[in-house]
C-alpha atoms as a PDB file:
ATOM      1  CA  MET A   1      -6.556 -28.113  18.328  1.00  0.00           C
ATOM      2  CA  ARG A   2      -9.943 -27.957  18.217  1.00  0.00           C
ATOM      3  CA  GLN A   3     -11.478 -26.127  15.453  1.00  0.00           C
ATOM      4  CA  HIS A   4     -14.765 -23.956  15.314  1.00  0.00           C
ATOM      5  CA  SER A   5     -16.758 -22.362  12.661  1.00  0.00           C
ATOM      6  CA  LEU A   6     -17.404 -19.054  12.521  1.00  0.00           C
ATOM      7  CA  ILE A   7     -21.201 -19.898  12.287  1.00  0.00           C
ATOM      8  CA  ASN A   8     -21.050 -22.104  15.453  1.00  0.00           C
ATOM      9  CA  ILE A   9     -18.713 -19.488  17.521  1.00  0.00           C
ATOM     10  CA  ALA A  10     -21.440 -16.654  16.277  1.00  0.00           C
ATOM     11  CA  LYS A  11     -24.944 -18.991  17.464  1.00  0.00           C
ATOM     12  CA  ASN A  12     -23.040 -18.995  20.528  1.00  0.00           C
ATOM     13  CA  SER A  13     -21.841 -15.321  20.977  1.00  0.00           C
ATOM     14  CA  ASP A  14     -25.289 -13.736  20.534  1.00  0.00           C
ATOM     15  CA  ILE A  15     -25.260 -12.166  24.109  1.00  0.00           C
ATOM     16  CA  LEU A  16     -21.651 -11.493  23.744  1.00  0.00           C
ATOM     17  CA  PHE A  17     -21.926  -9.285  20.526  1.00  0.00           C
ATOM     18  CA  GLY A  18     -25.916  -8.516  21.149  1.00  0.00           C
ATOM     19  CA  LEU A  19     -27.698 -10.352  18.834  1.00  0.00           C
ATOM     20  CA  GLU A  20     -31.379 -10.832  18.391  1.00  0.00           C
ATOM     21  CA  ASP A  21     -31.922 -14.293  16.860  1.00  0.00           C
ATOM     22  CA  GLY A  22     -28.708 -14.794  15.578  1.00  0.00           C
ATOM     23  CA  ARG A  23     -28.752 -11.485  13.950  1.00  0.00           C
ATOM     24  CA  LEU A  24     -27.575  -7.867  14.647  1.00  0.00           C
ATOM     25  CA  SER A  25     -30.330  -5.380  14.959  1.00  0.00           C
ATOM     26  CA  ASN A  26     -29.874  -2.482  12.626  1.00  0.00           C
ATOM     27  CA  GLY A  27     -25.725  -2.612  12.940  1.00  0.00           C
ATOM     28  CA  SER A  28     -23.016  -3.764  10.844  1.00  0.00           C
ATOM     29  CA  CYS A  29     -20.258  -6.085  11.160  1.00  0.00           C
ATOM     30  CA  ALA A  30     -16.612  -6.267   9.315  1.00  0.00           C
ATOM     31  CA  LEU A  31     -14.614  -9.578   9.280  1.00  0.00           C
ATOM     32  CA  VAL A  32     -11.428  -8.997   8.438  1.00  0.00           C
ATOM     33  CA  GLY A  33      -8.520 -11.204   7.669  1.00  0.00           C
ATOM     34  CA  ASN A  34      -4.292 -10.466   7.424  1.00  0.00           C
ATOM     35  CA  SER A  35      -3.925 -10.254   3.880  1.00  0.00           C
ATOM     36  CA  GLY A  36      -0.725  -8.063   2.825  1.00  0.00           C
ATOM     37  CA  VAL A  37      -3.465  -6.119   0.380  1.00  0.00           C
ATOM     38  CA  LEU A  38      -4.652  -4.358   3.593  1.00  0.00           C
ATOM     39  CA  MET A  39      -1.460  -2.610   3.394  1.00  0.00           C
ATOM     40  CA  ASP A  40      -2.541  -0.863  -0.324  1.00  0.00           C
ATOM     41  CA  ASN A  41      -5.366   1.311   1.555  1.00  0.00           C
ATOM     42  CA  GLU A  42      -5.961   2.999   4.780  1.00  0.00           C
ATOM     43  CA  TYR A  43      -9.185   1.493   5.390  1.00  0.00           C
ATOM     44  CA  GLY A  44      -8.495   1.695   9.162  1.00  0.00           C
ATOM     45  CA  GLU A  45     -11.264   4.056  10.002  1.00  0.00           C
ATOM     46  CA  LEU A  46     -13.672   2.360   7.590  1.00  0.00           C
ATOM     47  CA  ILE A  47     -12.964  -0.922   9.499  1.00  0.00           C
ATOM     48  CA  ASP A  48     -13.549   0.630  12.858  1.00  0.00           C
ATOM     49  CA  SER A  49     -16.895   2.237  11.945  1.00  0.00           C
ATOM     50  CA  HIS A  50     -18.507  -0.979  12.147  1.00  0.00           C
ATOM     51  CA  ASP A  51     -20.273  -2.103  15.438  1.00  0.00           C
ATOM     52  CA  ILE A  52     -18.405  -5.461  15.604  1.00  0.00           C
ATOM     53  CA  VAL A  53     -15.279  -6.366  13.919  1.00  0.00           C
ATOM     54  CA  ILE A  54     -14.213  -9.868  13.417  1.00  0.00           C
ATOM     55  CA  ARG A  55     -10.470 -10.666  12.788  1.00  0.00           C
ATOM     56  CA  THR A  56      -8.902 -14.221  11.611  1.00  0.00           C
ATOM     57  CA  ASN A  57      -5.614 -15.385  12.054  1.00  0.00           C
ATOM     58  CA  HIS A  58      -4.194 -12.960  14.880  1.00  0.00           C
ATOM     59  CA  GLY A  59      -3.465 -10.532  12.069  1.00  0.00           C
ATOM     60  CA  LYS A  60      -0.940  -8.124  13.561  1.00  0.00           C
ATOM     61  CA  ILE A  61      -2.598  -4.301  14.532  1.00  0.00           C
ATOM     62  CA  LYS A  62      -0.073  -2.305  16.147  1.00  0.00           C
ATOM     63  CA  ASP A  63       1.486   0.023  14.110  1.00  0.00           C
ATOM     64  CA  PHE A  64      -0.610  -0.513  11.038  1.00  0.00           C
ATOM     65  CA  GLU A  65      -3.703   1.177  12.657  1.00  0.00           C
ATOM     66  CA  LYS A  66      -4.744   3.525   9.545  1.00  0.00           C
ATOM     67  CA  ASN A  67      -4.681   0.649   7.300  1.00  0.00           C
ATOM     68  CA  VAL A  68      -5.902  -2.171   9.250  1.00  0.00           C
ATOM     69  CA  GLY A  69      -8.183  -0.458  12.250  1.00  0.00           C
ATOM     70  CA  GLN A  70      -7.792  -1.385  15.873  1.00  0.00           C
ATOM     71  CA  LYS A  71     -10.956  -2.368  16.561  1.00  0.00           C
ATOM     72  CA  THR A  72     -11.791  -6.180  17.727  1.00  0.00           C
ATOM     73  CA  ASP A  73     -14.521  -7.581  19.382  1.00  0.00           C
END
């Protein structure tokens, strides 16, 4: 299985994410893992408020939207 670094993915995704010169212009980005700590708070709305939401490790979203949000880019 070939591994990709987040930096290389971002460099090659400028058009997909609407980036200019590798930077998100006047926007925000949330990088969300799948730690159980997320279940202790209701961060879903805060996470989804970002312009871009990147999720790692295929964390489960369904039925946990109020804790982890539902948006994924």
